[in-house]
Amino acid sequence: LLQVSSTKEMASRSTSAFGVSDINDKETTMEVLFEISKILNTGLNKQQLQILTDLCEMGVNPEALAKVVQQLKIRKQQQSNSNSHNHNHNNITSRNKQNDSNTNRMHRK
């Protein structure tokens, strides 16, 4: 697994390699990218966007990353739908059992 440092850690380490204005430019760039991400309704938070940006800077193909993100969103949605379906099924089953129990009590009286 890749371990990606936080923006602040990366900024503090890069002060020797870059000037202060370069760090500010990177932060400004990330803010702009995050605003674009929100406008496009990507659902990515700042940390996720930072990780994707860092991976691109390391040479990972942006199109491949986009496909991975899309697939992860699809899987998450499928899991959410599956959990929702199971939850609804369990509620219906519980209500049916409760109705059967109530019906049995009424017939006993």
N, C-alpha and C. Protein backbone atom coordinates (compact mmCIF):
# COMPACT_ATOMS: atom_id res chain seq x y z
N LEU A 1 0.83 -1.19 0.00
CA LEU A 1 0.00 0.00 0.00
C LEU A 1 0.87 1.24 0.00
N LEU A 2 0.42 2.24 -0.75
CA LEU A 2 1.13 3.50 -0.76
C LEU A 2 0.71 4.33 0.44
N GLN A 3 1.65 4.95 1.05
CA GLN A 3 1.32 5.84 2.15
C GLN A 3 1.62 7.26 1.68
N VAL A 4 0.58 8.08 1.62
CA VAL A 4 0.73 9.44 1.14
C VAL A 4 0.71 10.39 2.33
N SER A 5 1.68 11.28 2.37
CA SER A 5 1.77 12.24 3.47
C SER A 5 0.71 13.30 3.33
N SER A 6 0.40 13.92 4.46
CA SER A 6 -0.56 15.02 4.43
C SER A 6 0.05 16.22 3.72
N THR A 7 -0.79 17.12 3.30
CA THR A 7 -0.34 18.32 2.58
C THR A 7 0.63 19.12 3.43
N LYS A 8 0.32 19.27 4.72
CA LYS A 8 1.19 20.06 5.59
C LYS A 8 2.57 19.42 5.73
N GLU A 9 2.59 18.08 5.85
CA GLU A 9 3.88 17.40 5.97
C GLU A 9 4.68 17.58 4.69
N MET A 10 4.02 17.42 3.56
CA MET A 10 4.71 17.57 2.28
C MET A 10 5.21 19.01 2.12
N ALA A 11 4.39 19.97 2.52
CA ALA A 11 4.78 21.37 2.40
C ALA A 11 5.99 21.67 3.27
N SER A 12 5.99 21.13 4.49
CA SER A 12 7.11 21.41 5.39
C SER A 12 8.40 20.76 4.88
N ARG A 13 8.28 19.58 4.26
CA ARG A 13 9.47 18.92 3.73
C ARG A 13 9.96 19.59 2.46
N SER A 14 9.05 20.20 1.72
CA SER A 14 9.44 20.76 0.43
C SER A 14 9.99 22.18 0.54
N THR A 15 10.02 22.75 1.74
CA THR A 15 10.52 24.12 1.87
C THR A 15 11.98 24.22 1.47
N SER A 16 12.74 23.14 1.67
CA SER A 16 14.14 23.21 1.28
C SER A 16 14.29 23.11 -0.24
N ALA A 17 13.38 22.40 -0.89
CA ALA A 17 13.47 22.23 -2.34
C ALA A 17 12.76 23.35 -3.09
N PHE A 18 11.74 23.93 -2.48
CA PHE A 18 10.94 24.97 -3.14
C PHE A 18 10.93 26.22 -2.27
N GLY A 19 10.67 27.33 -2.90
CA GLY A 19 10.50 28.57 -2.16
C GLY A 19 9.12 28.62 -1.53
N VAL A 20 8.92 29.57 -0.61
CA VAL A 20 7.64 29.71 0.07
C VAL A 20 6.53 29.98 -0.93
N SER A 21 6.80 30.76 -1.96
CA SER A 21 5.76 31.06 -2.94
C SER A 21 5.32 29.80 -3.67
N ASP A 22 6.23 28.84 -3.89
CA ASP A 22 5.86 27.58 -4.53
C ASP A 22 4.89 26.79 -3.67
N ILE A 23 5.09 26.80 -2.35
CA ILE A 23 4.19 26.11 -1.43
C ILE A 23 2.82 26.77 -1.47
N ASN A 24 2.81 28.11 -1.43
CA ASN A 24 1.54 28.83 -1.50
C ASN A 24 0.84 28.56 -2.82
N ASP A 25 1.61 28.49 -3.91
CA ASP A 25 1.03 28.18 -5.22
C ASP A 25 0.41 26.80 -5.22
N LYS A 26 1.06 25.84 -4.58
CA LYS A 26 0.53 24.48 -4.52
C LYS A 26 -0.77 24.45 -3.72
N GLU A 27 -0.80 25.16 -2.60
CA GLU A 27 -2.02 25.22 -1.79
C GLU A 27 -3.15 25.90 -2.56
N THR A 28 -2.82 26.97 -3.26
CA THR A 28 -3.81 27.67 -4.07
C THR A 28 -4.32 26.76 -5.18
N THR A 29 -3.42 26.04 -5.81
CA THR A 29 -3.80 25.11 -6.87
C THR A 29 -4.73 24.04 -6.33
N MET A 30 -4.44 23.52 -5.15
CA MET A 30 -5.30 22.49 -4.56
C MET A 30 -6.67 23.06 -4.23
N GLU A 31 -6.73 24.29 -3.76
CA GLU A 31 -8.01 24.92 -3.47
C GLU A 31 -8.83 25.07 -4.76
N VAL A 32 -8.17 25.49 -5.84
CA VAL A 32 -8.86 25.65 -7.12
C VAL A 32 -9.34 24.28 -7.62
N LEU A 33 -8.47 23.28 -7.53
CA LEU A 33 -8.87 21.92 -7.95
C LEU A 33 -10.05 21.41 -7.13
N PHE A 34 -10.06 21.71 -5.84
CA PHE A 34 -11.16 21.26 -4.99
C PHE A 34 -12.46 21.97 -5.38
N GLU A 35 -12.38 23.26 -5.67
CA GLU A 35 -13.57 23.99 -6.12
C GLU A 35 -14.10 23.42 -7.43
N ILE A 36 -13.20 23.12 -8.36
CA ILE A 36 -13.62 22.51 -9.63
C ILE A 36 -14.25 21.15 -9.36
N SER A 37 -13.64 20.40 -8.46
CA SER A 37 -14.16 19.07 -8.10
C SER A 37 -15.58 19.16 -7.55
N LYS A 38 -15.83 20.19 -6.71
CA LYS A 38 -17.17 20.38 -6.16
C LYS A 38 -18.16 20.77 -7.25
N ILE A 39 -17.75 21.67 -8.14
CA ILE A 39 -18.62 22.10 -9.23
C ILE A 39 -19.00 20.91 -10.12
N LEU A 40 -18.04 20.03 -10.36
CA LEU A 40 -18.28 18.85 -11.18
C LEU A 40 -18.95 17.72 -10.41
N ASN A 41 -19.19 17.96 -9.13
CA ASN A 41 -19.88 16.99 -8.28
C ASN A 41 -19.17 15.62 -8.28
N THR A 42 -17.85 15.65 -8.08
CA THR A 42 -17.08 14.41 -8.08
C THR A 42 -17.28 13.60 -6.80
N GLY A 43 -17.64 14.28 -5.72
CA GLY A 43 -17.79 13.59 -4.44
C GLY A 43 -16.46 13.36 -3.73
N LEU A 44 -15.39 13.92 -4.26
CA LEU A 44 -14.07 13.75 -3.65
C LEU A 44 -13.85 14.83 -2.60
N ASN A 45 -13.30 14.42 -1.45
CA ASN A 45 -12.95 15.42 -0.45
C ASN A 45 -11.52 15.91 -0.72
N LYS A 46 -11.06 16.87 0.06
CA LYS A 46 -9.73 17.45 -0.19
C LYS A 46 -8.62 16.42 -0.07
N GLN A 47 -8.73 15.55 0.92
CA GLN A 47 -7.68 14.54 1.10
C GLN A 47 -7.63 13.58 -0.08
N GLN A 48 -8.79 13.13 -0.55
CA GLN A 48 -8.83 12.23 -1.70
C GLN A 48 -8.27 12.92 -2.94
N LEU A 49 -8.64 14.16 -3.14
CA LEU A 49 -8.14 14.91 -4.28
C LEU A 49 -6.63 15.09 -4.19
N GLN A 50 -6.14 15.34 -3.00
CA GLN A 50 -4.70 15.49 -2.80
C GLN A 50 -3.97 14.19 -3.13
N ILE A 51 -4.51 13.07 -2.69
CA ILE A 51 -3.89 11.77 -2.98
C ILE A 51 -3.84 11.53 -4.49
N LEU A 52 -4.95 11.81 -5.17
CA LEU A 52 -4.99 11.62 -6.63
C LEU A 52 -3.99 12.54 -7.32
N THR A 53 -3.89 13.78 -6.86
CA THR A 53 -2.94 14.73 -7.43
C THR A 53 -1.51 14.26 -7.20
N ASP A 54 -1.23 13.80 -5.99
CA ASP A 54 0.11 13.30 -5.68
C ASP A 54 0.46 12.10 -6.57
N LEU A 55 -0.50 11.21 -6.77
CA LEU A 55 -0.25 10.05 -7.64
C LEU A 55 0.05 10.49 -9.07
N CYS A 56 -0.67 11.48 -9.56
CA CYS A 56 -0.41 12.01 -10.90
C CYS A 56 0.99 12.61 -10.97
N GLU A 57 1.38 13.34 -9.92
CA GLU A 57 2.72 13.94 -9.89
C GLU A 57 3.81 12.88 -9.85
N MET A 58 3.47 11.69 -9.33
CA MET A 58 4.43 10.58 -9.29
C MET A 58 4.47 9.81 -10.62
N GLY A 59 3.62 10.22 -11.55
CA GLY A 59 3.66 9.59 -12.86
C GLY A 59 2.54 8.61 -13.16
N VAL A 60 1.59 8.46 -12.24
CA VAL A 60 0.46 7.56 -12.49
C VAL A 60 -0.44 8.19 -13.55
N ASN A 61 -0.91 7.39 -14.47
CA ASN A 61 -1.76 7.86 -15.57
C ASN A 61 -3.08 8.40 -15.01
N PRO A 62 -3.39 9.68 -15.29
CA PRO A 62 -4.63 10.28 -14.76
C PRO A 62 -5.89 9.58 -15.26
N GLU A 63 -5.88 9.10 -16.51
CA GLU A 63 -7.04 8.40 -17.04
C GLU A 63 -7.26 7.08 -16.30
N ALA A 64 -6.18 6.40 -15.96
CA ALA A 64 -6.30 5.16 -15.20
C ALA A 64 -6.84 5.44 -13.80
N LEU A 65 -6.37 6.51 -13.18
CA LEU A 65 -6.88 6.90 -11.86
C LEU A 65 -8.37 7.22 -11.93
N ALA A 66 -8.77 7.94 -12.97
CA ALA A 66 -10.19 8.29 -13.13
C ALA A 66 -11.04 7.03 -13.25
N LYS A 67 -10.55 6.04 -13.99
CA LYS A 67 -11.30 4.79 -14.14
C LYS A 67 -11.41 4.05 -12.80
N VAL A 68 -10.33 4.05 -12.04
CA VAL A 68 -10.35 3.41 -10.72
C VAL A 68 -11.37 4.10 -9.81
N VAL A 69 -11.36 5.43 -9.80
CA VAL A 69 -12.30 6.18 -8.97
C VAL A 69 -13.73 5.87 -9.39
N GLN A 70 -13.98 5.83 -10.70
CA GLN A 70 -15.33 5.52 -11.20
C GLN A 70 -15.76 4.12 -10.75
N GLN A 71 -14.86 3.15 -10.87
CA GLN A 71 -15.19 1.78 -10.46
C GLN A 71 -15.46 1.70 -8.96
N LEU A 72 -14.68 2.41 -8.18
CA LEU A 72 -14.90 2.41 -6.73
C LEU A 72 -16.25 3.02 -6.38
N LYS A 73 -16.63 4.09 -7.09
CA LYS A 73 -17.94 4.70 -6.85
C LYS A 73 -19.06 3.73 -7.21
N ILE A 74 -18.90 3.01 -8.32
CA ILE A 74 -19.91 2.04 -8.74
C ILE A 74 -20.05 0.94 -7.69
N ARG A 75 -18.93 0.42 -7.23
CA ARG A 75 -18.97 -0.64 -6.21
C ARG A 75 -19.61 -0.14 -4.92
N LYS A 76 -19.27 1.08 -4.53
CA LYS A 76 -19.84 1.64 -3.31
C LYS A 76 -21.35 1.77 -3.45
N GLN A 77 -21.81 2.24 -4.62
CA GLN A 77 -23.25 2.38 -4.88
C GLN A 77 -23.94 1.02 -4.86
N GLN A 78 -23.29 0.01 -5.48
CA GLN A 78 -23.87 -1.33 -5.50
C GLN A 78 -23.98 -1.89 -4.08
N GLN A 79 -22.96 -1.68 -3.27
CA GLN A 79 -23.00 -2.14 -1.89
C GLN A 79 -24.08 -1.41 -1.11
N SER A 80 -24.20 -0.12 -1.35
CA SER A 80 -25.23 0.67 -0.68
C SER A 80 -26.62 0.18 -1.07
N ASN A 81 -26.81 -0.08 -2.36
CA ASN A 81 -28.10 -0.60 -2.84
C ASN A 81 -28.39 -1.98 -2.25
N SER A 82 -27.37 -2.81 -2.19
CA SER A 82 -27.52 -4.16 -1.64
C SER A 82 -27.88 -4.10 -0.16
N ASN A 83 -27.18 -3.24 0.58
CA ASN A 83 -27.48 -3.09 2.01
C ASN A 83 -28.87 -2.53 2.22
N SER A 84 -29.27 -1.59 1.38
CA SER A 84 -30.60 -1.00 1.47
C SER A 84 -31.66 -2.05 1.19
N HIS A 85 -31.43 -2.88 0.16
CA HIS A 85 -32.37 -3.94 -0.19
C HIS A 85 -32.50 -4.95 0.96
N ASN A 86 -31.36 -5.35 1.53
CA ASN A 86 -31.38 -6.30 2.65
C ASN A 86 -32.10 -5.69 3.86
N HIS A 87 -31.85 -4.42 4.11
CA HIS A 87 -32.50 -3.75 5.24
C HIS A 87 -34.01 -3.71 5.04
N ASN A 88 -34.44 -3.34 3.83
CA ASN A 88 -35.87 -3.29 3.53
C ASN A 88 -36.50 -4.67 3.63
N HIS A 89 -35.80 -5.69 3.12
CA HIS A 89 -36.31 -7.06 3.18
C HIS A 89 -36.46 -7.51 4.63
N ASN A 90 -35.48 -7.19 5.46
CA ASN A 90 -35.54 -7.56 6.88
C ASN A 90 -36.70 -6.84 7.58
N ASN A 91 -36.92 -5.57 7.23
CA ASN A 91 -38.05 -4.84 7.83
C ASN A 91 -39.38 -5.47 7.44
N ILE A 92 -39.52 -5.84 6.18
CA ILE A 92 -40.77 -6.46 5.70
C ILE A 92 -40.98 -7.80 6.40
N THR A 93 -39.91 -8.59 6.48
CA THR A 93 -40.00 -9.89 7.14
C THR A 93 -40.39 -9.72 8.60
N SER A 94 -39.79 -8.74 9.29
CA SER A 94 -40.12 -8.49 10.70
C SER A 94 -41.57 -8.06 10.85
N ARG A 95 -42.05 -7.18 9.94
CA ARG A 95 -43.44 -6.75 10.02
C ARG A 95 -44.39 -7.91 9.76
N ASN A 96 -44.05 -8.77 8.81
CA ASN A 96 -44.90 -9.92 8.53
C ASN A 96 -44.97 -10.86 9.73
N LYS A 97 -43.84 -11.08 10.39
CA LYS A 97 -43.83 -11.94 11.57
C LYS A 97 -44.67 -11.32 12.69
N GLN A 98 -44.53 -9.99 12.84
CA GLN A 98 -45.30 -9.31 13.88
C GLN A 98 -46.80 -9.38 13.56
N ASN A 99 -47.17 -9.19 12.31
CA ASN A 99 -48.58 -9.29 11.91
C ASN A 99 -49.12 -10.70 12.14
N ASP A 100 -48.33 -11.72 11.82
CA ASP A 100 -48.74 -13.10 12.05
C ASP A 100 -48.95 -13.35 13.53
N SER A 101 -48.04 -12.81 14.34
CA SER A 101 -48.16 -12.98 15.78
C SER A 101 -49.42 -12.30 16.31
N ASN A 102 -49.69 -11.08 15.83
CA ASN A 102 -50.90 -10.37 16.24
C ASN A 102 -52.15 -11.11 15.81
N THR A 103 -52.13 -11.67 14.61
CA THR A 103 -53.28 -12.42 14.10
C THR A 103 -53.52 -13.66 14.95
N ASN A 104 -52.45 -14.35 15.31
CA ASN A 104 -52.58 -15.55 16.16
C ASN A 104 -53.16 -15.20 17.52
N ARG A 105 -52.75 -14.07 18.10
CA ARG A 105 -53.28 -13.65 19.39
C ARG A 105 -54.76 -13.34 19.29
N MET A 106 -55.15 -12.71 18.20
CA MET A 106 -56.57 -12.36 18.02
C MET A 106 -57.42 -13.63 17.89
N HIS A 107 -56.91 -14.64 17.21
CA HIS A 107 -57.67 -15.87 17.02
C HIS A 107 -57.76 -16.68 18.31
N ARG A 108 -56.80 -16.54 19.21
CA ARG A 108 -56.81 -17.26 20.48
C ARG A 108 -57.88 -16.72 21.41
N LYS A 109 -58.22 -15.44 21.28
CA LYS A 109 -59.17 -14.82 22.22
C LYS A 109 -60.53 -15.25 21.95
